[in-house]
């Protein structure tokens, strides 16, 4: 006969799996962003591709672990996945799955083009489906309230503008322009809605405060994509990059409030936008030959490295204390 004591660990494991959040993929986004930023720095300073290789290994390892965990949740606790999809805030994080896949394709493109092509196709199809599904939820008959709106709603738009970075090199020109156009449109629309919420309504809850950093990502990623689509980024590219710097300075005004908050997985929202800022700065330095932008990229990379190191330590500590995968 099985005792209650014997079944407790299994029930505890099942409970943690039920609360395994889709936001874990934000960790993958941050690590993939670090890999790309390190690679850009190595090119900018003519350094050997050593740190970016180690970062790639770490990123892929974490992607595998996170994917296995979430697939297990889908198979063993589909009701919990459905509940997460119905959540007015968490639903915006589902495209982090497709974004992580597209980032993997971008990272692999110079070293394994065939694998990159396959992952790009999977990620792009998933991004299109998830973006449309999330937007369908937003404009459906569900009763969203202003407090449900946060910068996390930019995530589907960011995923769309990532597509051309590998898509152009793989030969999918028209599809790249389609995703870029959609991403740019929804970035502008959501920017208006998000700023209205930030200025005229209650402050963001503590757990969502780190998502303010996501404001940086759309223009920074759009700059990189625009450069891949047209070559010379020109005045429009300069505007996009400058907007990324403006949003970085705006977020910086709230850094004191963010620093005092208790740790949560939402803190990983700090990582990918800073990575995008570093990558776009290094790329602009390449186009213009400007040492100023190369130094800005290096400073952004140093900040990113400090953020990633802190987040890895805090996440590891939270996992060891079983503070993650708990009911909210």
C-alpha atoms as a PDB file:
ATOM      1  CA  UNK A   1       0.000   0.000   0.000  1.00  0.00           C
ATOM      2  CA  UNK A   2       1.295   3.459  -0.913  1.00  0.00           C
ATOM      3  CA  UNK A   3       1.365   5.906   1.955  1.00  0.00           C
ATOM      4  CA  UNK A   4       0.628   9.626   1.850  1.00  0.00           C
ATOM      5  CA  UNK A   5       4.265  10.225   2.748  1.00  0.00           C
ATOM      6  CA  UNK A   6       5.396   8.288  -0.330  1.00  0.00           C
ATOM      7  CA  UNK A   7       3.102  10.142  -2.708  1.00  0.00           C
ATOM      8  CA  UNK A   8       3.931  13.613  -1.402  1.00  0.00           C
ATOM      9  CA  UNK A   9       7.109  14.088  -3.447  1.00  0.00           C
ATOM     10  CA  UNK A  10       5.292  13.059  -6.633  1.00  0.00           C
ATOM     11  CA  UNK A  11       2.431  15.401  -5.859  1.00  0.00           C
ATOM     12  CA  UNK A  12       4.939  18.170  -5.112  1.00  0.00           C
ATOM     13  CA  UNK A  13       6.694  17.563  -8.441  1.00  0.00           C
ATOM     14  CA  UNK A  14       3.353  17.579 -10.269  1.00  0.00           C
ATOM     15  CA  UNK A  15       2.420  20.821  -8.550  1.00  0.00           C
ATOM     16  CA  UNK A  16       5.704  22.475  -9.574  1.00  0.00           C
ATOM     17  CA  UNK A  17       5.206  21.283 -13.149  1.00  0.00           C
ATOM     18  CA  UNK A  18       1.705  22.737 -13.158  1.00  0.00           C
ATOM     19  CA  UNK A  19       3.165  26.117 -12.219  1.00  0.00           C
ATOM     20  CA  UNK A  20       6.109  25.909 -14.656  1.00  0.00           C
ATOM     21  CA  UNK A  21       5.806  29.332 -16.353  1.00  0.00           C
ATOM     22  CA  UNK A  22       6.147  30.157 -20.024  1.00  0.00           C
ATOM     23  CA  UNK A  23       8.253  33.123 -18.874  1.00  0.00           C
ATOM     24  CA  UNK A  24      11.180  30.691 -18.522  1.00  0.00           C
ATOM     25  CA  UNK A  25      11.742  31.284 -22.251  1.00  0.00           C
ATOM     26  CA  UNK A  26      12.695  34.874 -21.392  1.00  0.00           C
ATOM     27  CA  UNK A  27      15.870  33.370 -19.898  1.00  0.00           C
ATOM     28  CA  UNK A  28      16.654  31.810 -23.273  1.00  0.00           C
ATOM     29  CA  UNK A  29      16.051  35.140 -25.014  1.00  0.00           C
ATOM     30  CA  UNK A  30      18.474  36.874 -22.666  1.00  0.00           C
ATOM     31  CA  UNK A  31      21.213  34.266 -23.131  1.00  0.00           C
ATOM     32  CA  UNK A  32      20.794  34.171 -26.911  1.00  0.00           C
ATOM     33  CA  UNK A  33      20.966  37.964 -26.909  1.00  0.00           C
ATOM     34  CA  UNK A  34      24.196  37.786 -24.903  1.00  0.00           C
ATOM     35  CA  UNK A  35      25.650  35.363 -27.461  1.00  0.00           C
ATOM     36  CA  UNK A  36      24.823  37.696 -30.353  1.00  0.00           C
ATOM     37  CA  UNK A  37      26.135  40.740 -28.466  1.00  0.00           C
ATOM     38  CA  UNK A  38      29.410  38.961 -27.678  1.00  0.00           C
ATOM     39  CA  UNK A  39      29.731  37.928 -31.315  1.00  0.00           C
ATOM     40  CA  UNK A  40      29.160  41.526 -32.411  1.00  0.00           C
ATOM     41  CA  UNK A  41      31.802  42.727 -29.925  1.00  0.00           C
ATOM     42  CA  UNK A  42      34.300  40.152 -31.155  1.00  0.00           C
ATOM     43  CA  UNK A  43      33.824  41.407 -34.713  1.00  0.00           C
ATOM     44  CA  UNK A  44      34.006  45.055 -33.654  1.00  0.00           C
ATOM     45  CA  UNK A  45      37.252  44.607 -31.708  1.00  0.00           C
ATOM     46  CA  UNK A  46      38.760  41.821 -33.905  1.00  0.00           C
ATOM     47  CA  UNK A  47      38.769  39.312 -31.058  1.00  0.00           C
ATOM     48  CA  UNK A  48      38.663  35.486 -31.303  1.00  0.00           C
ATOM     49  CA  UNK A  49      35.205  33.923 -31.086  1.00  0.00           C
ATOM     50  CA  UNK A  50      35.754  32.358 -27.681  1.00  0.00           C
ATOM     51  CA  UNK A  51      33.284  33.970 -25.242  1.00  0.00           C
ATOM     52  CA  UNK A  52      30.451  33.880 -27.780  1.00  0.00           C
ATOM     53  CA  UNK A  53      31.064  30.146 -28.333  1.00  0.00           C
ATOM     54  CA  UNK A  54      30.777  29.406 -24.616  1.00  0.00           C
ATOM     55  CA  UNK A  55      27.687  31.582 -24.426  1.00  0.00           C
ATOM     56  CA  UNK A  56      26.166  29.697 -27.358  1.00  0.00           C
ATOM     57  CA  UNK A  57      26.716  26.361 -25.595  1.00  0.00           C
ATOM     58  CA  UNK A  58      25.115  27.702 -22.411  1.00  0.00           C
ATOM     59  CA  UNK A  59      22.193  29.205 -24.348  1.00  0.00           C
ATOM     60  CA  UNK A  60      21.463  25.989 -26.221  1.00  0.00           C
ATOM     61  CA  UNK A  61      21.690  23.945 -23.021  1.00  0.00           C
ATOM     62  CA  UNK A  62      19.223  26.217 -21.240  1.00  0.00           C
ATOM     63  CA  UNK A  63      16.917  26.201 -24.287  1.00  0.00           C
ATOM     64  CA  UNK A  64      16.833  22.390 -24.236  1.00  0.00           C
ATOM     65  CA  UNK A  65      16.093  22.257 -20.494  1.00  0.00           C
ATOM     66  CA  UNK A  66      13.393  24.939 -20.646  1.00  0.00           C
ATOM     67  CA  UNK A  67      11.765  23.304 -23.693  1.00  0.00           C
ATOM     68  CA  UNK A  68      11.721  19.865 -22.046  1.00  0.00           C
ATOM     69  CA  UNK A  69      10.117  21.373 -18.948  1.00  0.00           C
ATOM     70  CA  UNK A  70       7.396  23.167 -20.869  1.00  0.00           C
ATOM     71  CA  UNK A  71       6.676  20.214 -23.163  1.00  0.00           C
ATOM     72  CA  UNK A  72       6.251  18.111 -20.011  1.00  0.00           C
ATOM     73  CA  UNK A  73       3.787  20.691 -18.725  1.00  0.00           C
ATOM     74  CA  UNK A  74       1.848  20.602 -22.014  1.00  0.00           C
ATOM     75  CA  UNK A  75       1.630  16.805 -21.878  1.00  0.00           C
ATOM     76  CA  UNK A  76       0.962  16.341 -18.164  1.00  0.00           C
ATOM     77  CA  UNK A  77      -0.888  19.532 -17.230  1.00  0.00           C
ATOM     78  CA  UNK A  78      -2.640  20.867 -20.350  1.00  0.00           C
ATOM     79  CA  UNK A  79      -5.242  22.568 -18.176  1.00  0.00           C
ATOM     80  CA  UNK A  80      -2.510  24.658 -16.551  1.00  0.00           C
ATOM     81  CA  UNK A  81      -1.264  25.695 -20.021  1.00  0.00           C
ATOM     82  CA  UNK A  82      -4.800  26.702 -20.995  1.00  0.00           C
ATOM     83  CA  UNK A  83      -5.099  28.691 -17.777  1.00  0.00           C
ATOM     84  CA  UNK A  84      -1.826  30.461 -18.580  1.00  0.00           C
ATOM     85  CA  UNK A  85      -3.151  31.265 -22.062  1.00  0.00           C
ATOM     86  CA  UNK A  86      -6.291  32.752 -20.544  1.00  0.00           C
ATOM     87  CA  UNK A  87      -4.272  34.928 -18.155  1.00  0.00           C
ATOM     88  CA  UNK A  88      -4.468  38.571 -19.328  1.00  0.00           C
ATOM     89  CA  UNK A  89      -0.763  39.224 -18.648  1.00  0.00           C
ATOM     90  CA  UNK A  90       0.925  35.843 -19.239  1.00  0.00           C
ATOM     91  CA  UNK A  91      -0.616  35.387 -22.685  1.00  0.00           C
ATOM     92  CA  UNK A  92       1.798  38.016 -24.071  1.00  0.00           C
ATOM     93  CA  UNK A  93       4.757  35.824 -23.076  1.00  0.00           C
ATOM     94  CA  UNK A  94       3.815  32.867 -25.307  1.00  0.00           C
ATOM     95  CA  UNK A  95       5.663  34.328 -28.331  1.00  0.00           C
ATOM     96  CA  UNK A  96       8.889  34.070 -26.295  1.00  0.00           C
ATOM     97  CA  UNK A  97       8.808  30.434 -27.451  1.00  0.00           C
ATOM     98  CA  UNK A  98       8.933  31.355 -31.148  1.00  0.00           C
ATOM     99  CA  UNK A  99      11.343  34.248 -30.502  1.00  0.00           C
ATOM    100  CA  UNK A 100      13.780  31.855 -28.787  1.00  0.00           C
ATOM    101  CA  UNK A 101      13.634  29.592 -31.849  1.00  0.00           C
ATOM    102  CA  UNK A 102      14.266  32.485 -34.250  1.00  0.00           C
ATOM    103  CA  UNK A 103      17.168  33.699 -32.105  1.00  0.00           C
ATOM    104  CA  UNK A 104      18.630  30.190 -32.231  1.00  0.00           C
ATOM    105  CA  UNK A 105      18.429  30.342 -36.025  1.00  0.00           C
ATOM    106  CA  UNK A 106      20.194  33.729 -36.086  1.00  0.00           C
ATOM    107  CA  UNK A 107      22.942  32.444 -33.788  1.00  0.00           C
ATOM    108  CA  UNK A 108      23.465  29.265 -35.836  1.00  0.00           C
ATOM    109  CA  UNK A 109      23.333  30.896 -39.288  1.00  0.00           C
ATOM    110  CA  UNK A 110      27.095  31.620 -39.641  1.00  0.00           C
ATOM    111  CA  UNK A 111      28.174  28.183 -38.352  1.00  0.00           C
ATOM    112  CA  UNK A 112      25.374  25.766 -39.327  1.00  0.00           C
ATOM    113  CA  UNK A 113      23.258  27.251 -42.157  1.00  0.00           C
ATOM    114  CA  UNK A 114      21.141  24.140 -42.764  1.00  0.00           C
ATOM    115  CA  UNK A 115      20.146  23.847 -39.098  1.00  0.00           C
ATOM    116  CA  UNK A 116      19.589  27.598 -38.938  1.00  0.00           C
ATOM    117  CA  UNK A 117      17.278  27.397 -41.955  1.00  0.00           C
ATOM    118  CA  UNK A 118      15.193  24.662 -40.319  1.00  0.00           C
ATOM    119  CA  UNK A 119      14.934  26.488 -36.985  1.00  0.00           C
ATOM    120  CA  UNK A 120      14.107  29.757 -38.768  1.00  0.00           C
ATOM    121  CA  UNK A 121      11.219  28.126 -40.644  1.00  0.00           C
ATOM    122  CA  UNK A 122       9.874  26.560 -37.448  1.00  0.00           C
ATOM    123  CA  UNK A 123      10.281  29.782 -35.475  1.00  0.00           C
ATOM    124  CA  UNK A 124       8.779  31.999 -38.168  1.00  0.00           C
ATOM    125  CA  UNK A 125       5.698  29.818 -38.604  1.00  0.00           C
ATOM    126  CA  UNK A 126       5.275  29.615 -34.827  1.00  0.00           C
ATOM    127  CA  UNK A 127       5.768  33.381 -34.514  1.00  0.00           C
ATOM    128  CA  UNK A 128       3.114  34.075 -37.129  1.00  0.00           C
ATOM    129  CA  UNK A 129       0.636  31.705 -35.495  1.00  0.00           C
ATOM    130  CA  UNK A 130       1.296  32.918 -31.942  1.00  0.00           C
ATOM    131  CA  UNK A 131       1.286  36.608 -32.884  1.00  0.00           C
ATOM    132  CA  UNK A 132      -2.053  36.251 -34.661  1.00  0.00           C
ATOM    133  CA  UNK A 133      -3.460  34.168 -31.808  1.00  0.00           C
ATOM    134  CA  UNK A 134      -2.403  36.702 -29.157  1.00  0.00           C
ATOM    135  CA  UNK A 135      -3.745  39.627 -31.195  1.00  0.00           C
ATOM    136  CA  UNK A 136      -6.952  37.657 -31.707  1.00  0.00           C
ATOM    137  CA  UNK A 137      -7.236  37.310 -27.946  1.00  0.00           C
ATOM    138  CA  UNK A 138      -6.632  41.051 -27.491  1.00  0.00           C
ATOM    139  CA  UNK A 139      -9.326  42.137 -29.941  1.00  0.00           C
ATOM    140  CA  UNK A 140     -11.782  39.366 -29.077  1.00  0.00           C
ATOM    141  CA  UNK A 141     -14.589  39.541 -26.568  1.00  0.00           C
ATOM    142  CA  UNK A 142     -12.463  39.049 -23.475  1.00  0.00           C
ATOM    143  CA  UNK A 143     -12.743  41.822 -20.865  1.00  0.00           C
ATOM    144  CA  UNK A 144      -9.219  43.269 -20.686  1.00  0.00           C
ATOM    145  CA  UNK A 145      -8.694  46.070 -18.186  1.00  0.00           C
ATOM    146  CA  UNK A 146      -6.119  48.856 -18.280  1.00  0.00           C
ATOM    147  CA  UNK A 147      -4.040  47.310 -15.425  1.00  0.00           C
ATOM    148  CA  UNK A 148      -3.552  44.206 -17.605  1.00  0.00           C
ATOM    149  CA  UNK A 149      -1.578  46.283 -20.128  1.00  0.00           C
ATOM    150  CA  UNK A 150       2.205  46.386 -19.725  1.00  0.00           C
ATOM    151  CA  UNK A 151       5.330  46.665 -21.906  1.00  0.00           C
ATOM    152  CA  UNK A 152       5.244  42.851 -22.110  1.00  0.00           C
ATOM    153  CA  UNK A 153       2.621  43.365 -24.795  1.00  0.00           C
ATOM    154  CA  UNK A 154       5.479  44.416 -27.087  1.00  0.00           C
ATOM    155  CA  UNK A 155       6.810  40.851 -27.157  1.00  0.00           C
ATOM    156  CA  UNK A 156       4.777  39.682 -30.194  1.00  0.00           C
ATOM    157  CA  UNK A 157       5.863  42.797 -32.110  1.00  0.00           C
ATOM    158  CA  UNK A 158       9.531  42.208 -31.239  1.00  0.00           C
ATOM    159  CA  UNK A 159       9.245  38.658 -32.546  1.00  0.00           C
ATOM    160  CA  UNK A 160       7.958  39.898 -35.893  1.00  0.00           C
ATOM    161  CA  UNK A 161      10.812  42.345 -36.490  1.00  0.00           C
ATOM    162  CA  UNK A 162      13.374  39.639 -35.637  1.00  0.00           C
ATOM    163  CA  UNK A 163      12.335  37.528 -38.636  1.00  0.00           C
ATOM    164  CA  UNK A 164      14.270  39.480 -41.336  1.00  0.00           C
ATOM    165  CA  UNK A 165      17.638  39.237 -39.554  1.00  0.00           C
ATOM    166  CA  UNK A 166      18.079  35.665 -40.786  1.00  0.00           C
ATOM    167  CA  UNK A 167      15.236  35.693 -43.301  1.00  0.00           C
ATOM    168  CA  UNK A 168      16.931  38.076 -45.729  1.00  0.00           C
ATOM    169  CA  UNK A 169      20.121  36.017 -45.839  1.00  0.00           C
ATOM    170  CA  UNK A 170      18.092  32.833 -46.307  1.00  0.00           C
ATOM    171  CA  UNK A 171      16.331  34.375 -49.307  1.00  0.00           C
ATOM    172  CA  UNK A 172      12.878  35.028 -47.841  1.00  0.00           C
ATOM    173  CA  UNK A 173      12.759  38.683 -48.849  1.00  0.00           C
ATOM    174  CA  UNK A 174       9.014  39.220 -49.202  1.00  0.00           C
ATOM    175  CA  UNK A 175       8.221  37.267 -46.044  1.00  0.00           C
ATOM    176  CA  UNK A 176      10.802  39.306 -44.147  1.00  0.00           C
ATOM    177  CA  UNK A 177       9.212  42.561 -45.277  1.00  0.00           C
ATOM    178  CA  UNK A 178       5.773  41.231 -44.286  1.00  0.00           C
ATOM    179  CA  UNK A 179       6.848  40.426 -40.730  1.00  0.00           C
ATOM    180  CA  UNK A 180       8.819  43.649 -40.393  1.00  0.00           C
ATOM    181  CA  UNK A 181       5.835  45.719 -41.535  1.00  0.00           C
ATOM    182  CA  UNK A 182       3.491  43.962 -39.111  1.00  0.00           C
ATOM    183  CA  UNK A 183       5.919  44.316 -36.224  1.00  0.00           C
ATOM    184  CA  UNK A 184       6.510  48.017 -36.886  1.00  0.00           C
ATOM    185  CA  UNK A 185       2.781  48.733 -37.104  1.00  0.00           C
ATOM    186  CA  UNK A 186       1.910  46.990 -33.841  1.00  0.00           C
ATOM    187  CA  UNK A 187       4.901  48.558 -32.085  1.00  0.00           C
ATOM    188  CA  UNK A 188       3.550  52.028 -32.881  1.00  0.00           C
ATOM    189  CA  UNK A 189       0.003  51.103 -31.852  1.00  0.00           C
ATOM    190  CA  UNK A 190       1.083  49.406 -28.622  1.00  0.00           C
ATOM    191  CA  UNK A 191       3.517  52.206 -27.775  1.00  0.00           C
ATOM    192  CA  UNK A 192       0.609  54.637 -27.639  1.00  0.00           C
ATOM    193  CA  UNK A 193      -1.484  52.297 -25.491  1.00  0.00           C
ATOM    194  CA  UNK A 194       1.359  51.451 -23.108  1.00  0.00           C
ATOM    195  CA  UNK A 195       2.355  55.075 -22.530  1.00  0.00           C
ATOM    196  CA  UNK A 196      -1.262  55.991 -21.886  1.00  0.00           C
ATOM    197  CA  UNK A 197      -1.374  53.242 -19.262  1.00  0.00           C
ATOM    198  CA  UNK A 198       1.954  54.271 -17.682  1.00  0.00           C
ATOM    199  CA  UNK A 199       1.119  57.978 -17.466  1.00  0.00           C
ATOM    200  CA  UNK A 200      -2.600  58.101 -16.691  1.00  0.00           C
ATOM    201  CA  UNK A 201      -3.194  54.972 -14.617  1.00  0.00           C
ATOM    202  CA  UNK A 202      -1.818  53.199 -11.548  1.00  0.00           C
ATOM    203  CA  UNK A 203       1.893  52.272 -11.565  1.00  0.00           C
ATOM    204  CA  UNK A 204       2.899  48.837 -12.807  1.00  0.00           C
ATOM    205  CA  UNK A 205       2.769  46.092 -10.151  1.00  0.00           C
ATOM    206  CA  UNK A 206       6.156  45.188  -8.703  1.00  0.00           C
ATOM    207  CA  UNK A 207       6.570  41.976 -10.724  1.00  0.00           C
ATOM    208  CA  UNK A 208       5.907  43.842 -13.975  1.00  0.00           C
ATOM    209  CA  UNK A 209       8.208  46.801 -13.304  1.00  0.00           C
ATOM    210  CA  UNK A 210      11.226  45.092 -14.988  1.00  0.00           C
ATOM    211  CA  UNK A 211       9.177  44.813 -18.192  1.00  0.00           C
ATOM    212  CA  UNK A 212       9.696  48.561 -18.636  1.00  0.00           C
ATOM    213  CA  UNK A 213      13.050  47.593 -20.156  1.00  0.00           C
ATOM    214  CA  UNK A 214      11.168  45.983 -23.054  1.00  0.00           C
ATOM    215  CA  UNK A 215      10.523  49.532 -24.321  1.00  0.00           C
ATOM    216  CA  UNK A 216      14.122  49.474 -25.599  1.00  0.00           C
ATOM    217  CA  UNK A 217      13.800  46.294 -27.640  1.00  0.00           C
ATOM    218  CA  UNK A 218      11.466  47.152 -30.576  1.00  0.00           C
ATOM    219  CA  UNK A 219      13.477  50.089 -32.016  1.00  0.00           C
ATOM    220  CA  UNK A 220      16.830  48.384 -31.318  1.00  0.00           C
ATOM    221  CA  UNK A 221      15.787  45.126 -33.006  1.00  0.00           C
ATOM    222  CA  UNK A 222      14.069  47.064 -35.805  1.00  0.00           C
ATOM    223  CA  UNK A 223      17.370  48.858 -36.491  1.00  0.00           C
ATOM    224  CA  UNK A 224      19.186  45.537 -36.871  1.00  0.00           C
ATOM    225  CA  UNK A 225      16.472  44.137 -39.145  1.00  0.00           C
ATOM    226  CA  UNK A 226      16.283  47.327 -41.206  1.00  0.00           C
ATOM    227  CA  UNK A 227      20.052  47.171 -41.743  1.00  0.00           C
ATOM    228  CA  UNK A 228      19.790  43.602 -42.980  1.00  0.00           C
ATOM    229  CA  UNK A 229      16.967  44.514 -45.360  1.00  0.00           C
ATOM    230  CA  UNK A 230      18.374  47.696 -46.937  1.00  0.00           C
ATOM    231  CA  UNK A 231      22.118  47.557 -46.263  1.00  0.00           C
ATOM    232  CA  UNK A 232      22.886  51.161 -45.350  1.00  0.00           C
ATOM    233  CA  UNK A 233      20.443  52.003 -42.513  1.00  0.00           C
ATOM    234  CA  UNK A 234      20.326  55.692 -43.503  1.00  0.00           C
ATOM    235  CA  UNK A 235      18.264  58.334 -41.694  1.00  0.00           C
ATOM    236  CA  UNK A 236      15.410  55.958 -40.796  1.00  0.00           C
ATOM    237  CA  UNK A 237      17.861  53.551 -39.208  1.00  0.00           C
ATOM    238  CA  UNK A 238      19.428  56.408 -37.279  1.00  0.00           C
ATOM    239  CA  UNK A 239      15.984  57.359 -35.954  1.00  0.00           C
ATOM    240  CA  UNK A 240      15.327  53.788 -34.803  1.00  0.00           C
ATOM    241  CA  UNK A 241      18.679  53.557 -33.019  1.00  0.00           C
ATOM    242  CA  UNK A 242      18.215  56.936 -31.348  1.00  0.00           C
ATOM    243  CA  UNK A 243      14.761  55.896 -30.144  1.00  0.00           C
ATOM    244  CA  UNK A 244      16.351  52.856 -28.516  1.00  0.00           C
ATOM    245  CA  UNK A 245      18.767  55.185 -26.699  1.00  0.00           C
ATOM    246  CA  UNK A 246      15.895  57.455 -25.643  1.00  0.00           C
ATOM    247  CA  UNK A 247      13.942  54.556 -24.180  1.00  0.00           C
ATOM    248  CA  UNK A 248      17.065  53.333 -22.409  1.00  0.00           C
ATOM    249  CA  UNK A 249      17.394  56.730 -20.708  1.00  0.00           C
ATOM    250  CA  UNK A 250      13.694  56.666 -19.783  1.00  0.00           C
ATOM    251  CA  UNK A 251      14.077  53.222 -18.236  1.00  0.00           C
ATOM    252  CA  UNK A 252      17.182  54.424 -16.410  1.00  0.00           C
ATOM    253  CA  UNK A 253      15.038  56.942 -14.510  1.00  0.00           C
ATOM    254  CA  UNK A 254      13.164  53.969 -12.983  1.00  0.00           C
ATOM    255  CA  UNK A 255      16.237  51.858 -12.193  1.00  0.00           C
ATOM    256  CA  UNK A 256      16.120  52.744  -8.500  1.00  0.00           C
ATOM    257  CA  UNK A 257      12.569  51.435  -8.158  1.00  0.00           C
ATOM    258  CA  UNK A 258      13.354  48.243 -10.056  1.00  0.00           C
ATOM    259  CA  UNK A 259      16.476  47.530  -7.986  1.00  0.00           C
ATOM    260  CA  UNK A 260      14.524  47.442  -4.715  1.00  0.00           C
ATOM    261  CA  UNK A 261      11.963  44.878  -5.910  1.00  0.00           C
ATOM    262  CA  UNK A 262      12.055  41.227  -4.801  1.00  0.00           C
ATOM    263  CA  UNK A 263      13.378  38.838  -7.433  1.00  0.00           C
ATOM    264  CA  UNK A 264      10.972  37.231  -9.897  1.00  0.00           C
ATOM    265  CA  UNK A 265      11.382  35.604 -13.315  1.00  0.00           C
ATOM    266  CA  UNK A 266      10.106  38.859 -14.841  1.00  0.00           C
ATOM    267  CA  UNK A 267      13.541  40.320 -14.025  1.00  0.00           C
ATOM    268  CA  UNK A 268      14.823  38.471 -17.112  1.00  0.00           C
ATOM    269  CA  UNK A 269      12.989  41.140 -19.113  1.00  0.00           C
ATOM    270  CA  UNK A 270      16.031  43.310 -18.305  1.00  0.00           C
ATOM    271  CA  UNK A 271      18.377  41.170 -20.407  1.00  0.00           C
ATOM    272  CA  UNK A 272      17.298  40.889 -24.046  1.00  0.00           C
ATOM    273  CA  UNK A 273      16.539  44.619 -24.595  1.00  0.00           C
ATOM    274  CA  UNK A 274      20.016  45.587 -23.351  1.00  0.00           C
ATOM    275  CA  UNK A 275      21.479  42.903 -25.629  1.00  0.00           C
ATOM    276  CA  UNK A 276      19.562  44.395 -28.569  1.00  0.00           C
ATOM    277  CA  UNK A 277      20.928  47.835 -27.660  1.00  0.00           C
ATOM    278  CA  UNK A 278      24.511  46.528 -27.644  1.00  0.00           C
ATOM    279  CA  UNK A 279      24.083  44.653 -30.944  1.00  0.00           C
ATOM    280  CA  UNK A 280      22.503  47.623 -32.730  1.00  0.00           C
ATOM    281  CA  UNK A 281      25.253  49.936 -31.446  1.00  0.00           C
ATOM    282  CA  UNK A 282      28.017  47.630 -32.701  1.00  0.00           C
ATOM    283  CA  UNK A 283      26.231  47.282 -36.038  1.00  0.00           C
ATOM    284  CA  UNK A 284      25.934  51.055 -36.399  1.00  0.00           C
ATOM    285  CA  UNK A 285      29.623  51.367 -35.582  1.00  0.00           C
ATOM    286  CA  UNK A 286      30.301  48.909 -38.428  1.00  0.00           C
ATOM    287  CA  UNK A 287      28.186  50.931 -40.890  1.00  0.00           C
ATOM    288  CA  UNK A 288      29.585  54.333 -39.903  1.00  0.00           C
ATOM    289  CA  UNK A 289      33.100  53.469 -38.770  1.00  0.00           C
ATOM    290  CA  UNK A 290      32.377  55.410 -35.591  1.00  0.00           C
ATOM    291  CA  UNK A 291      34.423  54.585 -32.496  1.00  0.00           C
ATOM    292  CA  UNK A 292      31.790  56.369 -30.419  1.00  0.00           C
ATOM    293  CA  UNK A 293      29.135  53.783 -31.240  1.00  0.00           C
ATOM    294  CA  UNK A 294      31.632  50.986 -30.741  1.00  0.00           C
ATOM    295  CA  UNK A 295      32.304  52.284 -27.229  1.00  0.00           C
ATOM    296  CA  UNK A 296      28.550  52.635 -26.573  1.00  0.00           C
ATOM    297  CA  UNK A 297      28.106  49.025 -27.676  1.00  0.00           C
ATOM    298  CA  UNK A 298      30.906  47.924 -25.362  1.00  0.00           C
ATOM    299  CA  UNK A 299      29.381  49.765 -22.398  1.00  0.00           C
ATOM    300  CA  UNK A 300      25.979  48.213 -23.151  1.00  0.00           C
ATOM    301  CA  UNK A 301      27.625  44.788 -23.357  1.00  0.00           C
ATOM    302  CA  UNK A 302      29.335  45.317 -19.990  1.00  0.00           C
ATOM    303  CA  UNK A 303      25.975  46.268 -18.474  1.00  0.00           C
ATOM    304  CA  UNK A 304      24.387  43.210 -20.093  1.00  0.00           C
ATOM    305  CA  UNK A 305      27.094  40.905 -18.698  1.00  0.00           C
ATOM    306  CA  UNK A 306      26.499  42.296 -15.198  1.00  0.00           C
ATOM    307  CA  UNK A 307      22.732  41.868 -15.587  1.00  0.00           C
ATOM    308  CA  UNK A 308      23.035  38.279 -16.875  1.00  0.00           C
ATOM    309  CA  UNK A 309      25.480  37.295 -14.115  1.00  0.00           C
ATOM    310  CA  UNK A 310      23.155  38.731 -11.462  1.00  0.00           C
ATOM    311  CA  UNK A 311      20.088  37.095 -12.958  1.00  0.00           C
ATOM    312  CA  UNK A 312      21.739  33.684 -13.236  1.00  0.00           C
ATOM    313  CA  UNK A 313      22.827  33.869  -9.606  1.00  0.00           C
ATOM    314  CA  UNK A 314      19.412  35.041  -8.399  1.00  0.00           C
ATOM    315  CA  UNK A 315      17.589  32.436 -10.509  1.00  0.00           C
ATOM    316  CA  UNK A 316      19.823  29.630  -9.244  1.00  0.00           C
ATOM    317  CA  UNK A 317      19.241  30.749  -5.664  1.00  0.00           C
ATOM    318  CA  UNK A 318      15.471  30.922  -6.213  1.00  0.00           C
ATOM    319  CA  UNK A 319      15.454  27.420  -7.725  1.00  0.00           C
ATOM    320  CA  UNK A 320      17.481  26.017  -4.822  1.00  0.00           C
ATOM    321  CA  UNK A 321      14.996  27.565  -2.398  1.00  0.00           C
ATOM    322  CA  UNK A 322      12.064  26.262  -4.490  1.00  0.00           C
ATOM    323  CA  UNK A 323      10.729  29.792  -4.814  1.00  0.00           C
ATOM    324  CA  UNK A 324      10.012  29.273  -8.533  1.00  0.00           C
ATOM    325  CA  UNK A 325       7.158  27.194  -9.978  1.00  0.00           C
ATOM    326  CA  UNK A 326       4.950  28.093  -7.042  1.00  0.00           C
ATOM    327  CA  UNK A 327       1.319  29.298  -7.102  1.00  0.00           C
ATOM    328  CA  UNK A 328       1.013  33.068  -7.449  1.00  0.00           C
END
